[in-house]
Amino acid sequence: MKESDLRNWHRTLGILLAFFIILQAGSGFLLSLGRFAVPRTHTHEESYASGHAHGEVESLWQESLEFVHHGGGNIGIIYRLFVGIALLVEVVLGVMIFVKIKARSKKH
């Protein structure tokens, strides 16, 4: 495949994928940050394992983040599979572009 074709695919896929990566990584980051902010005690260990704190009502924000990050049932699973596969393809295309650039620079 020509380098220009690789770059075109890489750019197009990157633009399409950027929103979903931000959504997935951002929600995971905010969920982790929220769990990090809560002090860990023995009573909280079970709540972390189950994903819910005993006696606490999760905020709509927390529930929304959890839904985006790892909810949605089968549709959510398919969404995350597509995002993961697209991210892997993006990395492979980037590596292929890098290899072509290195090969071209060694010729000169």
N, C-alpha and C. Protein backbone atom coordinates (compact mmCIF):
# COMPACT_ATOMS: atom_id res chain seq x y z
N MET A 1 0.84 -1.17 0.00
CA MET A 1 0.00 0.00 0.00
C MET A 1 0.89 1.25 0.00
N LYS A 2 0.51 2.23 -0.78
CA LYS A 2 1.31 3.45 -0.87
C LYS A 2 1.17 4.26 0.42
N GLU A 3 2.23 5.01 0.72
CA GLU A 3 2.24 5.81 1.94
C GLU A 3 1.10 6.83 1.95
N SER A 4 0.80 7.41 0.80
CA SER A 4 -0.28 8.40 0.75
C SER A 4 -1.63 7.76 1.09
N ASP A 5 -1.84 6.52 0.65
CA ASP A 5 -3.07 5.81 1.01
C ASP A 5 -3.12 5.51 2.50
N LEU A 6 -1.97 5.08 3.05
CA LEU A 6 -1.91 4.81 4.49
C LEU A 6 -2.22 6.07 5.29
N ARG A 7 -1.64 7.18 4.87
CA ARG A 7 -1.87 8.45 5.58
C ARG A 7 -3.34 8.87 5.49
N ASN A 8 -3.93 8.66 4.33
CA ASN A 8 -5.33 9.02 4.15
C ASN A 8 -6.23 8.18 5.07
N TRP A 9 -6.02 6.87 5.10
CA TRP A 9 -6.79 5.99 5.98
C TRP A 9 -6.56 6.35 7.45
N HIS A 10 -5.30 6.60 7.80
CA HIS A 10 -4.94 6.94 9.17
C HIS A 10 -5.64 8.23 9.61
N ARG A 11 -5.61 9.22 8.75
CA ARG A 11 -6.23 10.51 9.06
C ARG A 11 -7.75 10.37 9.19
N THR A 12 -8.38 9.72 8.23
CA THR A 12 -9.84 9.56 8.24
C THR A 12 -10.30 8.77 9.46
N LEU A 13 -9.65 7.66 9.72
CA LEU A 13 -10.02 6.85 10.87
C LEU A 13 -9.77 7.61 12.17
N GLY A 14 -8.68 8.34 12.23
CA GLY A 14 -8.36 9.11 13.43
C GLY A 14 -9.41 10.16 13.73
N ILE A 15 -9.89 10.84 12.69
CA ILE A 15 -10.92 11.86 12.88
C ILE A 15 -12.22 11.22 13.35
N LEU A 16 -12.60 10.11 12.74
CA LEU A 16 -13.83 9.42 13.15
C LEU A 16 -13.72 8.84 14.56
N LEU A 17 -12.55 8.38 14.91
CA LEU A 17 -12.35 7.69 16.18
C LEU A 17 -12.10 8.63 17.35
N ALA A 18 -11.64 9.83 17.08
CA ALA A 18 -11.23 10.75 18.15
C ALA A 18 -12.33 10.98 19.19
N PHE A 19 -13.54 11.24 18.75
CA PHE A 19 -14.65 11.49 19.67
C PHE A 19 -14.88 10.29 20.59
N PHE A 20 -14.86 9.09 20.02
CA PHE A 20 -15.14 7.89 20.80
C PHE A 20 -14.01 7.56 21.77
N ILE A 21 -12.77 7.84 21.38
CA ILE A 21 -11.65 7.64 22.29
C ILE A 21 -11.75 8.61 23.46
N ILE A 22 -12.06 9.86 23.15
CA ILE A 22 -12.22 10.85 24.22
C ILE A 22 -13.35 10.44 25.15
N LEU A 23 -14.45 9.97 24.60
CA LEU A 23 -15.59 9.53 25.40
C LEU A 23 -15.21 8.35 26.29
N GLN A 24 -14.57 7.36 25.72
CA GLN A 24 -14.24 6.14 26.47
C GLN A 24 -13.13 6.40 27.48
N ALA A 25 -12.04 7.01 27.04
CA ALA A 25 -10.92 7.27 27.95
C ALA A 25 -11.29 8.32 28.99
N GLY A 26 -12.03 9.33 28.57
CA GLY A 26 -12.43 10.38 29.50
C GLY A 26 -13.35 9.87 30.59
N SER A 27 -14.32 9.03 30.22
CA SER A 27 -15.22 8.48 31.24
C SER A 27 -14.46 7.55 32.18
N GLY A 28 -13.55 6.76 31.66
CA GLY A 28 -12.74 5.89 32.52
C GLY A 28 -11.86 6.68 33.46
N PHE A 29 -11.27 7.77 32.95
CA PHE A 29 -10.43 8.63 33.78
C PHE A 29 -11.25 9.25 34.91
N LEU A 30 -12.42 9.79 34.58
CA LEU A 30 -13.24 10.44 35.60
C LEU A 30 -13.76 9.43 36.62
N LEU A 31 -14.11 8.23 36.18
CA LEU A 31 -14.53 7.19 37.13
C LEU A 31 -13.39 6.83 38.07
N SER A 32 -12.21 6.65 37.52
CA SER A 32 -11.05 6.31 38.35
C SER A 32 -10.70 7.44 39.30
N LEU A 33 -10.78 8.65 38.83
CA LEU A 33 -10.49 9.81 39.67
C LEU A 33 -11.49 9.89 40.82
N GLY A 34 -12.75 9.62 40.54
CA GLY A 34 -13.78 9.63 41.58
C GLY A 34 -13.55 8.55 42.62
N ARG A 35 -13.15 7.38 42.19
CA ARG A 35 -12.89 6.29 43.13
C ARG A 35 -11.61 6.53 43.91
N PHE A 36 -10.65 7.20 43.29
CA PHE A 36 -9.40 7.53 43.97
C PHE A 36 -9.64 8.57 45.06
N ALA A 37 -10.57 9.46 44.84
CA ALA A 37 -10.85 10.54 45.79
C ALA A 37 -11.52 10.03 47.06
N VAL A 38 -12.24 8.92 46.98
CA VAL A 38 -12.92 8.36 48.15
C VAL A 38 -11.91 7.56 48.95
N PRO A 39 -11.74 7.87 50.24
CA PRO A 39 -10.77 7.10 51.04
C PRO A 39 -11.18 5.64 51.14
N ARG A 40 -10.19 4.75 51.01
CA ARG A 40 -10.46 3.31 51.07
C ARG A 40 -10.47 2.83 52.52
N THR A 41 -11.56 2.21 52.88
CA THR A 41 -11.66 1.54 54.17
C THR A 41 -12.22 0.16 53.91
N HIS A 42 -12.28 -0.64 54.94
CA HIS A 42 -12.80 -1.99 54.77
C HIS A 42 -14.25 -1.96 54.29
N THR A 43 -15.04 -1.02 54.77
CA THR A 43 -16.44 -0.96 54.35
C THR A 43 -16.57 -0.55 52.89
N HIS A 44 -15.57 0.15 52.37
CA HIS A 44 -15.63 0.55 50.97
C HIS A 44 -15.15 -0.54 50.02
N GLU A 45 -14.44 -1.53 50.51
CA GLU A 45 -13.91 -2.58 49.63
C GLU A 45 -15.03 -3.28 48.87
N GLU A 46 -16.12 -3.61 49.58
CA GLU A 46 -17.22 -4.29 48.91
C GLU A 46 -17.88 -3.38 47.89
N SER A 47 -17.97 -2.09 48.20
CA SER A 47 -18.61 -1.17 47.27
C SER A 47 -17.79 -1.03 46.00
N TYR A 48 -16.46 -1.07 46.10
CA TYR A 48 -15.63 -1.00 44.89
C TYR A 48 -15.79 -2.27 44.06
N ALA A 49 -15.90 -3.39 44.73
CA ALA A 49 -16.05 -4.66 44.00
C ALA A 49 -17.39 -4.71 43.28
N SER A 50 -18.44 -4.21 43.93
CA SER A 50 -19.76 -4.25 43.31
C SER A 50 -20.02 -3.06 42.42
N GLY A 51 -19.22 -2.01 42.58
CA GLY A 51 -19.42 -0.81 41.79
C GLY A 51 -20.39 0.17 42.42
N HIS A 52 -20.95 -0.18 43.56
CA HIS A 52 -21.91 0.70 44.23
C HIS A 52 -21.55 0.82 45.70
N ALA A 53 -21.69 2.01 46.21
CA ALA A 53 -21.44 2.23 47.63
C ALA A 53 -22.70 1.89 48.42
N HIS A 54 -22.54 1.21 49.54
CA HIS A 54 -23.67 0.86 50.38
C HIS A 54 -24.22 2.12 51.03
N GLY A 55 -25.55 2.28 50.92
CA GLY A 55 -26.20 3.39 51.57
C GLY A 55 -26.01 4.73 50.88
N GLU A 56 -25.35 4.75 49.76
CA GLU A 56 -25.15 6.00 49.04
C GLU A 56 -25.87 5.93 47.71
N VAL A 57 -26.50 7.01 47.36
CA VAL A 57 -27.15 7.08 46.06
C VAL A 57 -26.16 7.70 45.09
N GLU A 58 -25.92 6.97 44.01
CA GLU A 58 -24.99 7.49 43.01
C GLU A 58 -25.61 8.68 42.31
N SER A 59 -24.81 9.62 41.99
CA SER A 59 -25.29 10.80 41.28
C SER A 59 -25.60 10.43 39.83
N LEU A 60 -26.39 11.26 39.21
CA LEU A 60 -26.71 11.06 37.80
C LEU A 60 -25.43 11.11 36.96
N TRP A 61 -24.50 11.98 37.37
CA TRP A 61 -23.21 12.11 36.69
C TRP A 61 -22.45 10.79 36.74
N GLN A 62 -22.37 10.20 37.93
CA GLN A 62 -21.66 8.93 38.12
C GLN A 62 -22.32 7.82 37.30
N GLU A 63 -23.64 7.77 37.34
CA GLU A 63 -24.36 6.74 36.59
C GLU A 63 -24.15 6.92 35.08
N SER A 64 -24.13 8.16 34.63
CA SER A 64 -23.91 8.43 33.20
C SER A 64 -22.52 7.99 32.77
N LEU A 65 -21.52 8.31 33.60
CA LEU A 65 -20.15 7.90 33.29
C LEU A 65 -20.03 6.38 33.24
N GLU A 66 -20.65 5.70 34.20
CA GLU A 66 -20.59 4.24 34.21
C GLU A 66 -21.28 3.65 33.00
N PHE A 67 -22.41 4.24 32.60
CA PHE A 67 -23.12 3.74 31.42
C PHE A 67 -22.26 3.91 30.17
N VAL A 68 -21.65 5.08 30.02
CA VAL A 68 -20.81 5.33 28.84
C VAL A 68 -19.60 4.41 28.84
N HIS A 69 -18.99 4.23 30.00
CA HIS A 69 -17.73 3.49 30.04
C HIS A 69 -17.91 1.98 29.95
N HIS A 70 -18.87 1.42 30.67
CA HIS A 70 -19.00 -0.04 30.63
C HIS A 70 -20.44 -0.53 30.71
N GLY A 71 -21.37 0.28 30.25
CA GLY A 71 -22.77 -0.12 30.26
C GLY A 71 -23.28 -0.35 28.85
N GLY A 72 -24.60 -0.36 28.73
CA GLY A 72 -25.22 -0.46 27.42
C GLY A 72 -25.52 -1.86 26.94
N GLY A 73 -25.33 -2.85 27.78
CA GLY A 73 -25.65 -4.22 27.40
C GLY A 73 -24.86 -4.68 26.17
N ASN A 74 -25.54 -5.42 25.31
CA ASN A 74 -24.87 -5.96 24.11
C ASN A 74 -24.45 -4.86 23.14
N ILE A 75 -25.26 -3.81 23.04
CA ILE A 75 -24.89 -2.69 22.16
C ILE A 75 -23.63 -2.02 22.68
N GLY A 76 -23.52 -1.86 23.99
CA GLY A 76 -22.32 -1.28 24.58
C GLY A 76 -21.09 -2.15 24.35
N ILE A 77 -21.28 -3.46 24.41
CA ILE A 77 -20.16 -4.38 24.15
C ILE A 77 -19.70 -4.25 22.70
N ILE A 78 -20.66 -4.21 21.78
CA ILE A 78 -20.32 -4.06 20.36
C ILE A 78 -19.62 -2.73 20.12
N TYR A 79 -20.14 -1.66 20.74
CA TYR A 79 -19.52 -0.34 20.62
C TYR A 79 -18.06 -0.38 21.09
N ARG A 80 -17.82 -0.96 22.26
CA ARG A 80 -16.45 -1.01 22.79
C ARG A 80 -15.55 -1.90 21.94
N LEU A 81 -16.09 -2.97 21.38
CA LEU A 81 -15.30 -3.81 20.47
C LEU A 81 -14.89 -3.02 19.23
N PHE A 82 -15.83 -2.28 18.64
CA PHE A 82 -15.50 -1.48 17.46
C PHE A 82 -14.47 -0.40 17.78
N VAL A 83 -14.63 0.26 18.93
CA VAL A 83 -13.65 1.29 19.31
C VAL A 83 -12.27 0.65 19.50
N GLY A 84 -12.22 -0.51 20.15
CA GLY A 84 -10.95 -1.19 20.37
C GLY A 84 -10.30 -1.64 19.07
N ILE A 85 -11.09 -2.22 18.18
CA ILE A 85 -10.56 -2.67 16.89
C ILE A 85 -10.08 -1.48 16.07
N ALA A 86 -10.87 -0.42 16.04
CA ALA A 86 -10.48 0.77 15.28
C ALA A 86 -9.20 1.37 15.84
N LEU A 87 -9.05 1.36 17.15
CA LEU A 87 -7.83 1.89 17.76
C LEU A 87 -6.62 1.03 17.38
N LEU A 88 -6.79 -0.28 17.37
CA LEU A 88 -5.70 -1.17 16.95
C LEU A 88 -5.33 -0.94 15.49
N VAL A 89 -6.32 -0.78 14.62
CA VAL A 89 -6.06 -0.50 13.21
C VAL A 89 -5.32 0.83 13.07
N GLU A 90 -5.73 1.82 13.84
CA GLU A 90 -5.07 3.14 13.82
C GLU A 90 -3.59 3.01 14.19
N VAL A 91 -3.31 2.22 15.21
CA VAL A 91 -1.91 2.01 15.64
C VAL A 91 -1.12 1.30 14.55
N VAL A 92 -1.69 0.26 13.96
CA VAL A 92 -0.99 -0.48 12.91
C VAL A 92 -0.71 0.43 11.72
N LEU A 93 -1.69 1.24 11.32
CA LEU A 93 -1.46 2.18 10.22
C LEU A 93 -0.35 3.17 10.56
N GLY A 94 -0.34 3.67 11.79
CA GLY A 94 0.71 4.59 12.22
C GLY A 94 2.08 3.95 12.18
N VAL A 95 2.18 2.70 12.60
CA VAL A 95 3.46 1.99 12.57
C VAL A 95 3.90 1.77 11.12
N MET A 96 2.96 1.43 10.24
CA MET A 96 3.30 1.23 8.84
C MET A 96 3.81 2.52 8.21
N ILE A 97 3.19 3.65 8.54
CA ILE A 97 3.65 4.95 8.05
C ILE A 97 5.06 5.23 8.57
N PHE A 98 5.27 4.96 9.84
CA PHE A 98 6.58 5.18 10.45
C PHE A 98 7.66 4.35 9.76
N VAL A 99 7.37 3.08 9.50
CA VAL A 99 8.33 2.19 8.83
C VAL A 99 8.65 2.72 7.43
N LYS A 100 7.64 3.17 6.70
CA LYS A 100 7.88 3.70 5.36
C LYS A 100 8.73 4.97 5.41
N ILE A 101 8.49 5.82 6.39
CA ILE A 101 9.29 7.04 6.53
C ILE A 101 10.74 6.68 6.83
N LYS A 102 10.95 5.73 7.74
CA LYS A 102 12.32 5.31 8.09
C LYS A 102 13.02 4.69 6.89
N ALA A 103 12.31 3.87 6.13
CA ALA A 103 12.91 3.24 4.95
C ALA A 103 13.28 4.29 3.91
N ARG A 104 12.44 5.29 3.76
CA ARG A 104 12.71 6.35 2.80
C ARG A 104 13.91 7.19 3.23
N SER A 105 14.02 7.47 4.53
CA SER A 105 15.13 8.30 5.02
C SER A 105 16.47 7.56 4.95
N LYS A 106 16.47 6.23 5.01
CA LYS A 106 17.71 5.46 4.91
C LYS A 106 18.23 5.41 3.48
N LYS A 107 17.34 5.58 2.50
CA LYS A 107 17.75 5.56 1.10
C LYS A 107 18.56 6.79 0.74
N HIS A 108 18.33 7.88 1.42
CA HIS A 108 19.02 9.15 1.08
C HIS A 108 20.26 9.28 1.84
